[in-house]
Amino acid sequence: MAAVHTPPVQTLIDELGRLPGIGPKSAQRIAFHLLKIPEVDANRLSDAIREAKARVQFCERCFNVAESALCPICADERRDSTTLCVVEESRDIIAIERTGEFRGRYHVLLGAMNPLEGIGPDQLKIRELLARLGPEEVTEVVICTNPNTEGEVTAMYLARMLSPLGITVSRLASGLPVGGDLEYADELTLGRAFEGRTRINEAT
């Protein structure tokens, strides 16, 4: 059977297909888009990738992305070092920071536990998290892993590790989204909403 694409095009499609969330059709669509755009635009994209890979590293304290030894949050002395928020990826920090509600520091695990893919505690930055607790006098760890199977397994593991150390371990509340309808909520979401219910009447 004759090859559908020339080798350079197929290589481009194959490499794009290795990116998370990009299937074969999306990879092909992106590849042909890149081939259509002016060379200067394609070069700007490749230059941005090369520069990011050359200049960006992981913060040596929290493993957030950074351009120097410490990320801007770890370098900010105004942040509360006694409260750590544990997330799976650096992109989660961006979402939390947008709320303006958290003034502590972060710890990025660089993933979540997934036994089916061979990802256990040793593949995550859990040992480094434990090493921060004493020197930074941490009193509370807020676990903000994703509300899926992998995130829940990771959260339970961290809770078991941290609770005996006398540190407050908390988890973000989860439940019904604002504006959502009960009839469309799944059982897990509704269950979480009941678990996290709050009083609205004042005690008399």
N, C-alpha and C. Protein backbone atom coordinates (compact mmCIF):
# COMPACT_ATOMS: atom_id res chain seq x y z
N MET A 1 0.85 -1.19 0.00
CA MET A 1 0.00 0.00 0.00
C MET A 1 0.89 1.25 0.00
N ALA A 2 0.62 2.16 -0.93
CA ALA A 2 1.45 3.35 -1.07
C ALA A 2 1.25 4.28 0.12
N ALA A 3 2.32 4.97 0.49
CA ALA A 3 2.24 5.91 1.61
C ALA A 3 1.32 7.06 1.26
N VAL A 4 0.49 7.47 2.21
CA VAL A 4 -0.46 8.56 1.98
C VAL A 4 0.25 9.90 1.99
N HIS A 5 1.19 10.07 2.92
CA HIS A 5 1.90 11.34 3.06
C HIS A 5 3.39 11.13 2.79
N THR A 6 4.04 12.21 2.40
CA THR A 6 5.49 12.15 2.25
C THR A 6 6.11 11.97 3.63
N PRO A 7 7.31 11.39 3.72
CA PRO A 7 7.92 11.14 5.04
C PRO A 7 7.99 12.35 5.96
N PRO A 8 8.37 13.56 5.48
CA PRO A 8 8.41 14.70 6.41
C PRO A 8 7.04 15.04 6.99
N VAL A 9 6.00 14.95 6.16
CA VAL A 9 4.65 15.25 6.64
C VAL A 9 4.20 14.19 7.64
N GLN A 10 4.45 12.94 7.35
CA GLN A 10 4.06 11.87 8.26
C GLN A 10 4.79 11.97 9.58
N THR A 11 6.05 12.33 9.54
CA THR A 11 6.82 12.52 10.77
C THR A 11 6.23 13.63 11.62
N LEU A 12 5.84 14.73 10.96
CA LEU A 12 5.22 15.86 11.67
C LEU A 12 3.92 15.42 12.32
N ILE A 13 3.09 14.68 11.58
CA ILE A 13 1.82 14.19 12.12
C ILE A 13 2.07 13.26 13.30
N ASP A 14 3.05 12.37 13.15
CA ASP A 14 3.35 11.42 14.23
C ASP A 14 3.79 12.14 15.50
N GLU A 15 4.63 13.16 15.35
CA GLU A 15 5.13 13.90 16.53
C GLU A 15 4.01 14.69 17.18
N LEU A 16 3.16 15.31 16.38
CA LEU A 16 2.02 16.05 16.95
C LEU A 16 1.07 15.10 17.67
N GLY A 17 0.92 13.89 17.13
CA GLY A 17 0.04 12.91 17.74
C GLY A 17 0.51 12.41 19.09
N ARG A 18 1.77 12.64 19.40
CA ARG A 18 2.29 12.23 20.70
C ARG A 18 1.94 13.22 21.81
N LEU A 19 1.43 14.40 21.44
CA LEU A 19 1.06 15.40 22.44
C LEU A 19 -0.22 14.97 23.14
N PRO A 20 -0.36 15.31 24.43
CA PRO A 20 -1.56 14.91 25.18
C PRO A 20 -2.81 15.56 24.61
N GLY A 21 -3.85 14.76 24.45
CA GLY A 21 -5.12 15.28 23.96
C GLY A 21 -5.21 15.45 22.46
N ILE A 22 -4.16 15.09 21.74
CA ILE A 22 -4.15 15.22 20.28
C ILE A 22 -4.26 13.84 19.65
N GLY A 23 -5.41 13.57 19.03
CA GLY A 23 -5.61 12.30 18.34
C GLY A 23 -5.08 12.36 16.92
N PRO A 24 -5.17 11.25 16.17
CA PRO A 24 -4.66 11.20 14.79
C PRO A 24 -5.25 12.26 13.88
N LYS A 25 -6.57 12.47 13.97
CA LYS A 25 -7.21 13.46 13.10
C LYS A 25 -6.79 14.88 13.44
N SER A 26 -6.72 15.16 14.75
CA SER A 26 -6.28 16.49 15.17
C SER A 26 -4.83 16.73 14.76
N ALA A 27 -3.99 15.71 14.92
CA ALA A 27 -2.58 15.84 14.53
C ALA A 27 -2.46 16.13 13.04
N GLN A 28 -3.25 15.46 12.24
CA GLN A 28 -3.21 15.70 10.80
C GLN A 28 -3.69 17.10 10.45
N ARG A 29 -4.75 17.55 11.13
CA ARG A 29 -5.29 18.89 10.88
C ARG A 29 -4.27 19.96 11.25
N ILE A 30 -3.63 19.80 12.41
CA ILE A 30 -2.62 20.78 12.84
C ILE A 30 -1.43 20.78 11.89
N ALA A 31 -1.01 19.59 11.46
CA ALA A 31 0.14 19.48 10.57
C ALA A 31 -0.11 20.24 9.27
N PHE A 32 -1.27 20.04 8.67
CA PHE A 32 -1.56 20.71 7.41
C PHE A 32 -1.77 22.21 7.60
N HIS A 33 -2.25 22.60 8.79
CA HIS A 33 -2.34 24.03 9.09
C HIS A 33 -0.94 24.65 9.14
N LEU A 34 -0.01 23.95 9.79
CA LEU A 34 1.35 24.46 9.88
C LEU A 34 2.01 24.55 8.50
N LEU A 35 1.66 23.64 7.63
CA LEU A 35 2.24 23.66 6.29
C LEU A 35 1.66 24.80 5.44
N LYS A 36 0.47 25.24 5.78
CA LYS A 36 -0.17 26.31 5.00
C LYS A 36 0.25 27.70 5.43
N ILE A 37 0.57 27.87 6.71
CA ILE A 37 0.87 29.21 7.19
C ILE A 37 2.23 29.69 6.66
N PRO A 38 2.46 31.01 6.64
CA PRO A 38 3.74 31.53 6.16
C PRO A 38 4.91 30.97 6.96
N GLU A 39 6.05 30.86 6.32
CA GLU A 39 7.23 30.28 6.97
C GLU A 39 7.62 31.07 8.22
N VAL A 40 7.43 32.40 8.18
CA VAL A 40 7.81 33.22 9.33
C VAL A 40 6.98 32.85 10.55
N ASP A 41 5.69 32.51 10.35
CA ASP A 41 4.84 32.12 11.47
C ASP A 41 5.25 30.75 12.03
N ALA A 42 5.56 29.83 11.13
CA ALA A 42 6.00 28.51 11.57
C ALA A 42 7.32 28.61 12.33
N ASN A 43 8.22 29.46 11.85
CA ASN A 43 9.50 29.64 12.53
C ASN A 43 9.31 30.29 13.90
N ARG A 44 8.34 31.19 14.00
CA ARG A 44 8.08 31.83 15.30
C ARG A 44 7.62 30.80 16.32
N LEU A 45 6.79 29.85 15.88
CA LEU A 45 6.34 28.78 16.76
C LEU A 45 7.50 27.89 17.19
N SER A 46 8.33 27.48 16.24
CA SER A 46 9.46 26.61 16.58
C SER A 46 10.46 27.34 17.47
N ASP A 47 10.64 28.65 17.24
CA ASP A 47 11.54 29.43 18.10
C ASP A 47 11.00 29.52 19.52
N ALA A 48 9.67 29.67 19.65
CA ALA A 48 9.06 29.76 20.99
C ALA A 48 9.24 28.45 21.75
N ILE A 49 9.11 27.33 21.03
CA ILE A 49 9.29 26.02 21.68
C ILE A 49 10.74 25.85 22.12
N ARG A 50 11.67 26.19 21.23
CA ARG A 50 13.09 26.06 21.58
C ARG A 50 13.47 26.95 22.76
N GLU A 51 12.97 28.20 22.76
CA GLU A 51 13.32 29.13 23.84
C GLU A 51 12.74 28.67 25.17
N ALA A 52 11.49 28.17 25.13
CA ALA A 52 10.87 27.68 26.37
C ALA A 52 11.65 26.49 26.93
N LYS A 53 12.06 25.57 26.06
CA LYS A 53 12.81 24.41 26.51
C LYS A 53 14.17 24.81 27.06
N ALA A 54 14.76 25.86 26.48
CA ALA A 54 16.09 26.28 26.90
C ALA A 54 16.07 27.09 28.20
N ARG A 55 15.01 27.89 28.41
CA ARG A 55 15.00 28.83 29.52
C ARG A 55 14.17 28.38 30.72
N VAL A 56 13.17 27.55 30.49
CA VAL A 56 12.25 27.17 31.57
C VAL A 56 12.73 25.88 32.24
N GLN A 57 12.68 25.89 33.55
CA GLN A 57 13.06 24.72 34.34
C GLN A 57 12.02 24.53 35.44
N PHE A 58 12.25 23.57 36.30
CA PHE A 58 11.36 23.37 37.43
C PHE A 58 11.94 24.05 38.67
N CYS A 59 11.06 24.73 39.41
CA CYS A 59 11.47 25.37 40.66
C CYS A 59 12.07 24.31 41.58
N GLU A 60 13.21 24.62 42.17
CA GLU A 60 13.89 23.61 43.00
C GLU A 60 13.18 23.38 44.33
N ARG A 61 12.22 24.22 44.67
CA ARG A 61 11.48 24.04 45.91
C ARG A 61 10.12 23.38 45.68
N CYS A 62 9.33 23.89 44.73
CA CYS A 62 7.95 23.41 44.58
C CYS A 62 7.69 22.68 43.27
N PHE A 63 8.62 22.75 42.31
CA PHE A 63 8.51 22.09 41.01
C PHE A 63 7.48 22.73 40.08
N ASN A 64 7.17 23.98 40.37
CA ASN A 64 6.43 24.79 39.40
C ASN A 64 7.40 25.19 38.29
N VAL A 65 6.89 25.58 37.13
CA VAL A 65 7.79 26.03 36.07
C VAL A 65 8.39 27.37 36.48
N ALA A 66 9.66 27.58 36.13
CA ALA A 66 10.36 28.78 36.54
C ALA A 66 11.49 29.09 35.56
N GLU A 67 11.93 30.34 35.58
CA GLU A 67 13.08 30.75 34.76
C GLU A 67 14.35 30.82 35.57
N SER A 68 14.23 30.65 36.89
CA SER A 68 15.40 30.66 37.76
C SER A 68 15.24 29.56 38.79
N ALA A 69 16.10 29.56 39.79
CA ALA A 69 16.08 28.48 40.79
C ALA A 69 14.72 28.39 41.49
N LEU A 70 14.11 29.54 41.79
CA LEU A 70 12.80 29.57 42.43
C LEU A 70 11.78 30.20 41.51
N CYS A 71 10.56 29.70 41.56
CA CYS A 71 9.48 30.31 40.79
C CYS A 71 9.06 31.61 41.48
N PRO A 72 8.32 32.48 40.80
CA PRO A 72 7.92 33.76 41.41
C PRO A 72 7.15 33.61 42.72
N ILE A 73 6.35 32.55 42.86
CA ILE A 73 5.58 32.37 44.09
C ILE A 73 6.48 32.00 45.26
N CYS A 74 7.41 31.08 45.04
CA CYS A 74 8.33 30.70 46.11
C CYS A 74 9.27 31.84 46.48
N ALA A 75 9.57 32.68 45.51
CA ALA A 75 10.48 33.80 45.76
C ALA A 75 9.79 34.97 46.45
N ASP A 76 8.47 34.94 46.51
CA ASP A 76 7.69 36.03 47.12
C ASP A 76 7.62 35.80 48.63
N GLU A 77 8.32 36.62 49.38
CA GLU A 77 8.37 36.48 50.84
C GLU A 77 7.05 36.80 51.51
N ARG A 78 6.13 37.42 50.76
CA ARG A 78 4.83 37.76 51.36
C ARG A 78 3.90 36.55 51.42
N ARG A 79 4.23 35.47 50.70
CA ARG A 79 3.38 34.28 50.73
C ARG A 79 3.54 33.55 52.06
N ASP A 80 2.45 32.91 52.50
CA ASP A 80 2.44 32.18 53.77
C ASP A 80 3.09 30.81 53.56
N SER A 81 4.28 30.63 54.10
CA SER A 81 5.02 29.38 53.89
C SER A 81 4.49 28.24 54.76
N THR A 82 3.60 28.54 55.72
CA THR A 82 3.10 27.48 56.60
C THR A 82 1.93 26.72 55.98
N THR A 83 1.42 27.19 54.86
CA THR A 83 0.31 26.53 54.19
C THR A 83 0.73 26.14 52.78
N LEU A 84 0.65 24.86 52.49
CA LEU A 84 1.02 24.35 51.16
C LEU A 84 -0.21 23.82 50.44
N CYS A 85 -0.32 24.17 49.19
CA CYS A 85 -1.38 23.64 48.33
C CYS A 85 -0.73 22.66 47.36
N VAL A 86 -1.16 21.41 47.40
CA VAL A 86 -0.57 20.37 46.57
C VAL A 86 -1.42 20.19 45.31
N VAL A 87 -0.79 20.34 44.14
CA VAL A 87 -1.48 20.18 42.87
C VAL A 87 -0.76 19.16 42.01
N GLU A 88 -1.42 18.71 40.96
CA GLU A 88 -0.81 17.73 40.07
C GLU A 88 0.15 18.36 39.08
N GLU A 89 -0.24 19.48 38.48
CA GLU A 89 0.55 20.11 37.43
C GLU A 89 0.62 21.62 37.65
N SER A 90 1.60 22.25 37.01
CA SER A 90 1.76 23.70 37.14
C SER A 90 0.54 24.46 36.65
N ARG A 91 -0.14 23.94 35.63
CA ARG A 91 -1.30 24.65 35.11
C ARG A 91 -2.41 24.77 36.16
N ASP A 92 -2.42 23.88 37.14
CA ASP A 92 -3.43 23.97 38.21
C ASP A 92 -3.20 25.20 39.07
N ILE A 93 -1.94 25.60 39.22
CA ILE A 93 -1.62 26.79 40.01
C ILE A 93 -2.25 28.03 39.38
N ILE A 94 -2.21 28.10 38.07
CA ILE A 94 -2.77 29.26 37.37
C ILE A 94 -4.25 29.41 37.70
N ALA A 95 -4.98 28.29 37.67
CA ALA A 95 -6.42 28.33 37.96
C ALA A 95 -6.68 28.79 39.39
N ILE A 96 -5.90 28.29 40.35
CA ILE A 96 -6.09 28.67 41.75
C ILE A 96 -5.73 30.13 41.98
N GLU A 97 -4.65 30.58 41.37
CA GLU A 97 -4.21 31.96 41.55
C GLU A 97 -5.24 32.96 41.01
N ARG A 98 -5.99 32.55 40.00
CA ARG A 98 -7.01 33.45 39.44
C ARG A 98 -8.10 33.76 40.46
N THR A 99 -8.32 32.86 41.41
CA THR A 99 -9.37 33.10 42.41
C THR A 99 -8.97 34.18 43.41
N GLY A 100 -7.67 34.35 43.63
CA GLY A 100 -7.20 35.32 44.60
C GLY A 100 -7.48 34.92 46.04
N GLU A 101 -7.86 33.65 46.27
CA GLU A 101 -8.27 33.19 47.60
C GLU A 101 -7.13 32.54 48.39
N PHE A 102 -6.08 32.14 47.71
CA PHE A 102 -5.01 31.39 48.40
C PHE A 102 -3.73 32.21 48.43
N ARG A 103 -3.16 32.37 49.62
CA ARG A 103 -1.94 33.18 49.77
C ARG A 103 -0.77 32.37 50.29
N GLY A 104 -0.90 31.04 50.28
CA GLY A 104 0.21 30.20 50.71
C GLY A 104 1.12 29.87 49.54
N ARG A 105 1.83 28.77 49.67
CA ARG A 105 2.72 28.32 48.60
C ARG A 105 2.23 26.99 48.05
N TYR A 106 2.88 26.53 47.01
CA TYR A 106 2.42 25.34 46.31
C TYR A 106 3.47 24.24 46.31
N HIS A 107 2.98 23.04 45.97
CA HIS A 107 3.88 21.93 45.69
C HIS A 107 3.28 21.15 44.52
N VAL A 108 4.05 21.01 43.46
CA VAL A 108 3.57 20.34 42.24
C VAL A 108 4.08 18.90 42.23
N LEU A 109 3.16 17.96 42.15
CA LEU A 109 3.53 16.54 42.16
C LEU A 109 4.07 16.06 40.82
N LEU A 110 3.78 16.81 39.76
CA LEU A 110 4.14 16.42 38.39
C LEU A 110 3.42 15.13 37.98
N GLY A 111 2.14 15.06 38.35
CA GLY A 111 1.33 13.91 37.95
C GLY A 111 0.46 13.43 39.09
N ALA A 112 -0.18 12.28 38.87
CA ALA A 112 -1.01 11.64 39.88
C ALA A 112 -0.77 10.14 39.83
N MET A 113 -1.06 9.47 40.93
CA MET A 113 -0.85 8.03 41.00
C MET A 113 -1.77 7.30 40.02
N ASN A 114 -1.19 6.41 39.25
CA ASN A 114 -1.96 5.64 38.27
C ASN A 114 -1.29 4.28 38.11
N PRO A 115 -1.67 3.30 38.92
CA PRO A 115 -1.01 1.98 38.88
C PRO A 115 -1.05 1.33 37.50
N LEU A 116 -2.11 1.57 36.74
CA LEU A 116 -2.22 0.95 35.41
C LEU A 116 -1.13 1.43 34.46
N GLU A 117 -0.63 2.64 34.71
CA GLU A 117 0.43 3.19 33.87
C GLU A 117 1.78 3.15 34.59
N GLY A 118 1.83 2.46 35.71
CA GLY A 118 3.08 2.32 36.43
C GLY A 118 3.52 3.56 37.18
N ILE A 119 2.57 4.45 37.49
CA ILE A 119 2.90 5.68 38.21
C ILE A 119 2.50 5.50 39.67
N GLY A 120 3.49 5.37 40.53
CA GLY A 120 3.26 5.24 41.96
C GLY A 120 3.86 6.41 42.70
N PRO A 121 3.90 6.36 44.03
CA PRO A 121 4.44 7.46 44.83
C PRO A 121 5.88 7.83 44.46
N ASP A 122 6.69 6.84 44.10
CA ASP A 122 8.09 7.11 43.79
C ASP A 122 8.27 7.89 42.51
N GLN A 123 7.25 7.88 41.64
CA GLN A 123 7.35 8.63 40.39
C GLN A 123 6.86 10.07 40.54
N LEU A 124 6.31 10.40 41.69
CA LEU A 124 5.82 11.75 41.95
C LEU A 124 6.74 12.46 42.95
N LYS A 125 6.51 13.75 43.12
CA LYS A 125 7.37 14.55 44.01
C LYS A 125 6.83 14.52 45.44
N ILE A 126 6.51 13.32 45.94
CA ILE A 126 5.97 13.19 47.29
C ILE A 126 7.09 13.22 48.33
N ARG A 127 8.20 12.57 48.03
CA ARG A 127 9.33 12.59 48.95
C ARG A 127 9.80 14.03 49.17
N GLU A 128 9.82 14.81 48.10
CA GLU A 128 10.23 16.21 48.20
C GLU A 128 9.22 17.04 49.00
N LEU A 129 7.95 16.68 48.90
CA LEU A 129 6.92 17.36 49.69
C LEU A 129 7.16 17.13 51.18
N LEU A 130 7.39 15.88 51.56
CA LEU A 130 7.63 15.57 52.96
C LEU A 130 8.86 16.27 53.50
N ALA A 131 9.87 16.44 52.64
CA ALA A 131 11.10 17.09 53.08
C ALA A 131 10.90 18.58 53.34
N ARG A 132 9.85 19.18 52.82
CA ARG A 132 9.61 20.61 53.01
C ARG A 132 8.90 20.92 54.32
N LEU A 133 8.19 19.95 54.87
CA LEU A 133 7.30 20.21 55.98
C LEU A 133 8.00 20.81 57.20
N GLY A 134 9.09 20.19 57.64
CA GLY A 134 9.79 20.68 58.82
C GLY A 134 10.49 22.01 58.60
N PRO A 135 11.37 22.11 57.61
CA PRO A 135 12.09 23.37 57.39
C PRO A 135 11.19 24.58 57.17
N GLU A 136 10.04 24.38 56.55
CA GLU A 136 9.15 25.51 56.27
C GLU A 136 8.06 25.65 57.32
N GLU A 137 8.11 24.81 58.37
CA GLU A 137 7.16 24.87 59.47
C GLU A 137 5.71 24.84 58.97
N VAL A 138 5.45 23.90 58.07
CA VAL A 138 4.12 23.78 57.47
C VAL A 138 3.12 23.27 58.51
N THR A 139 1.97 23.93 58.61
CA THR A 139 0.93 23.53 59.55
C THR A 139 -0.31 22.99 58.84
N GLU A 140 -0.48 23.32 57.56
CA GLU A 140 -1.63 22.82 56.80
C GLU A 140 -1.23 22.50 55.37
N VAL A 141 -1.73 21.37 54.88
CA VAL A 141 -1.55 20.98 53.49
C VAL A 141 -2.93 20.86 52.87
N VAL A 142 -3.16 21.65 51.83
CA VAL A 142 -4.43 21.61 51.10
C VAL A 142 -4.22 20.76 49.86
N ILE A 143 -4.92 19.64 49.78
CA ILE A 143 -4.76 18.73 48.65
C ILE A 143 -5.73 19.14 47.54
N CYS A 144 -5.16 19.53 46.41
CA CYS A 144 -5.98 20.01 45.29
C CYS A 144 -5.76 19.16 44.04
N THR A 145 -5.70 17.85 44.23
CA THR A 145 -5.61 16.97 43.07
C THR A 145 -6.97 16.93 42.37
N ASN A 146 -6.97 16.48 41.13
CA ASN A 146 -8.20 16.49 40.34
C ASN A 146 -9.24 15.51 40.91
N PRO A 147 -10.53 15.84 40.77
CA PRO A 147 -11.59 14.97 41.31
C PRO A 147 -11.90 13.80 40.38
N ASN A 148 -10.88 13.03 40.03
CA ASN A 148 -11.07 11.81 39.24
C ASN A 148 -10.42 10.66 40.00
N THR A 149 -10.44 9.47 39.41
CA THR A 149 -9.93 8.30 40.11
C THR A 149 -8.48 8.48 40.53
N GLU A 150 -7.62 8.93 39.60
CA GLU A 150 -6.21 9.09 39.91
C GLU A 150 -5.99 10.15 40.98
N GLY A 151 -6.73 11.26 40.87
CA GLY A 151 -6.59 12.33 41.85
C GLY A 151 -7.05 11.91 43.24
N GLU A 152 -8.13 11.12 43.29
CA GLU A 152 -8.64 10.65 44.58
C GLU A 152 -7.67 9.67 45.24
N VAL A 153 -7.12 8.76 44.45
CA VAL A 153 -6.14 7.82 44.99
C VAL A 153 -4.94 8.57 45.55
N THR A 154 -4.48 9.56 44.81
CA THR A 154 -3.33 10.36 45.25
C THR A 154 -3.66 11.12 46.53
N ALA A 155 -4.86 11.71 46.59
CA ALA A 155 -5.27 12.48 47.77
C ALA A 155 -5.34 11.59 49.00
N MET A 156 -5.91 10.40 48.86
CA MET A 156 -6.01 9.48 50.01
C MET A 156 -4.63 9.04 50.47
N TYR A 157 -3.73 8.79 49.54
CA TYR A 157 -2.37 8.39 49.91
C TYR A 157 -1.67 9.51 50.67
N LEU A 158 -1.80 10.72 50.18
CA LEU A 158 -1.16 11.86 50.85
C LEU A 158 -1.76 12.07 52.24
N ALA A 159 -3.07 11.92 52.36
CA ALA A 159 -3.72 12.09 53.67
C ALA A 159 -3.19 11.08 54.67
N ARG A 160 -3.02 9.83 54.24
CA ARG A 160 -2.49 8.79 55.13
C ARG A 160 -1.05 9.10 55.54
N MET A 161 -0.28 9.69 54.64
CA MET A 161 1.11 10.01 54.94
C MET A 161 1.23 11.21 55.88
N LEU A 162 0.34 12.18 55.71
CA LEU A 162 0.49 13.46 56.42
C LEU A 162 -0.22 13.50 57.77
N SER A 163 -1.34 12.81 57.88
CA SER A 163 -2.14 12.91 59.10
C SER A 163 -1.37 12.54 60.37
N PRO A 164 -0.56 11.47 60.37
CA PRO A 164 0.18 11.14 61.60
C PRO A 164 1.22 12.17 62.00
N LEU A 165 1.53 13.11 61.11
CA LEU A 165 2.58 14.10 61.40
C LEU A 165 2.05 15.30 62.16
N GLY A 166 0.75 15.29 62.48
CA GLY A 166 0.19 16.40 63.24
C GLY A 166 -0.09 17.62 62.39
N ILE A 167 -0.16 17.44 61.07
CA ILE A 167 -0.41 18.54 60.15
C ILE A 167 -1.87 18.49 59.72
N THR A 168 -2.52 19.64 59.66
CA THR A 168 -3.89 19.70 59.17
C THR A 168 -3.90 19.39 57.68
N VAL A 169 -4.70 18.42 57.29
CA VAL A 169 -4.82 18.04 55.88
C VAL A 169 -6.24 18.35 55.43
N SER A 170 -6.38 19.17 54.41
CA SER A 170 -7.71 19.53 53.91
C SER A 170 -7.80 19.25 52.42
N ARG A 171 -9.01 19.20 51.94
CA ARG A 171 -9.29 18.90 50.53
C ARG A 171 -10.29 19.93 50.05
N LEU A 172 -10.13 20.39 48.82
CA LEU A 172 -11.07 21.34 48.28
C LEU A 172 -12.47 20.76 48.26
N ALA A 173 -13.46 21.57 48.64
CA ALA A 173 -14.85 21.13 48.56
C ALA A 173 -15.23 20.94 47.09
N SER A 174 -16.10 19.98 46.84
CA SER A 174 -16.56 19.76 45.47
C SER A 174 -18.02 19.39 45.50
N GLY A 175 -18.71 19.65 44.42
CA GLY A 175 -20.13 19.35 44.37
C GLY A 175 -20.77 19.96 43.15
N LEU A 176 -21.98 20.49 43.34
CA LEU A 176 -22.75 21.02 42.22
C LEU A 176 -22.18 22.34 41.74
N PRO A 177 -22.02 22.51 40.42
CA PRO A 177 -21.55 23.79 39.90
C PRO A 177 -22.64 24.84 40.00
N VAL A 178 -22.25 26.10 40.16
CA VAL A 178 -23.22 27.19 40.20
C VAL A 178 -23.95 27.25 38.86
N GLY A 179 -25.27 27.30 38.92
CA GLY A 179 -26.05 27.35 37.70
C GLY A 179 -26.42 25.99 37.15
N GLY A 180 -25.97 24.92 37.82
CA GLY A 180 -26.25 23.58 37.34
C GLY A 180 -27.63 23.09 37.79
N ASP A 181 -28.16 22.09 37.11
CA ASP A 181 -29.45 21.49 37.46
C ASP A 181 -29.23 20.13 38.11
N LEU A 182 -30.01 19.84 39.15
CA LEU A 182 -29.86 18.58 39.87
C LEU A 182 -30.06 17.37 38.96
N GLU A 183 -31.00 17.48 38.02
CA GLU A 183 -31.32 16.32 37.19
C GLU A 183 -30.15 15.89 36.30
N TYR A 184 -29.21 16.80 36.06
CA TYR A 184 -28.08 16.48 35.19
C TYR A 184 -26.84 16.07 35.97
N ALA A 185 -26.91 16.12 37.29
CA ALA A 185 -25.74 15.80 38.10
C ALA A 185 -25.60 14.29 38.25
N ASP A 186 -24.37 13.79 38.16
CA ASP A 186 -24.15 12.37 38.36
C ASP A 186 -24.11 12.06 39.86
N GLU A 187 -24.11 10.75 40.18
CA GLU A 187 -24.19 10.34 41.58
C GLU A 187 -23.00 10.81 42.40
N LEU A 188 -21.79 10.75 41.81
CA LEU A 188 -20.59 11.16 42.53
C LEU A 188 -20.64 12.64 42.88
N THR A 189 -21.06 13.47 41.91
CA THR A 189 -21.15 14.91 42.14
C THR A 189 -22.18 15.23 43.21
N LEU A 190 -23.35 14.58 43.12
CA LEU A 190 -24.39 14.82 44.12
C LEU A 190 -23.94 14.36 45.50
N GLY A 191 -23.26 13.20 45.54
CA GLY A 191 -22.76 12.71 46.82
C GLY A 191 -21.79 13.68 47.45
N ARG A 192 -20.89 14.23 46.64
CA ARG A 192 -19.93 15.21 47.14
C ARG A 192 -20.65 16.47 47.63
N ALA A 193 -21.69 16.85 46.92
CA ALA A 193 -22.43 18.05 47.32
C ALA A 193 -23.07 17.84 48.69
N PHE A 194 -23.59 16.65 48.95
CA PHE A 194 -24.18 16.36 50.26
C PHE A 194 -23.11 16.35 51.34
N GLU A 195 -21.97 15.74 51.04
CA GLU A 195 -20.89 15.68 52.03
C GLU A 195 -20.39 17.08 52.39
N GLY A 196 -20.36 17.96 51.43
CA GLY A 196 -19.83 19.31 51.65
C GLY A 196 -20.89 20.35 51.95
N ARG A 197 -22.10 19.90 52.35
CA ARG A 197 -23.18 20.86 52.58
C ARG A 197 -22.84 21.78 53.75
N THR A 198 -23.35 23.01 53.71
CA THR A 198 -23.10 24.00 54.75
C THR A 198 -24.42 24.55 55.28
N ARG A 199 -24.39 25.01 56.51
CA ARG A 199 -25.59 25.58 57.12
C ARG A 199 -25.85 26.96 56.56
N ILE A 200 -27.14 27.29 56.35
CA ILE A 200 -27.48 28.64 55.88
C ILE A 200 -28.37 29.36 56.90
N ASN A 201 -28.78 28.66 57.96
CA ASN A 201 -29.58 29.32 59.00
C ASN A 201 -28.71 29.62 60.19
N GLU A 202 -28.92 30.75 60.80
CA GLU A 202 -28.16 31.14 61.98
C GLU A 202 -28.72 30.45 63.21
N ALA A 203 -27.84 30.01 64.10
CA ALA A 203 -28.28 29.39 65.36
C ALA A 203 -28.95 30.44 66.22
N THR A 204 -30.00 30.02 66.89
CA THR A 204 -30.71 30.98 67.74
C THR A 204 -30.48 30.67 69.22
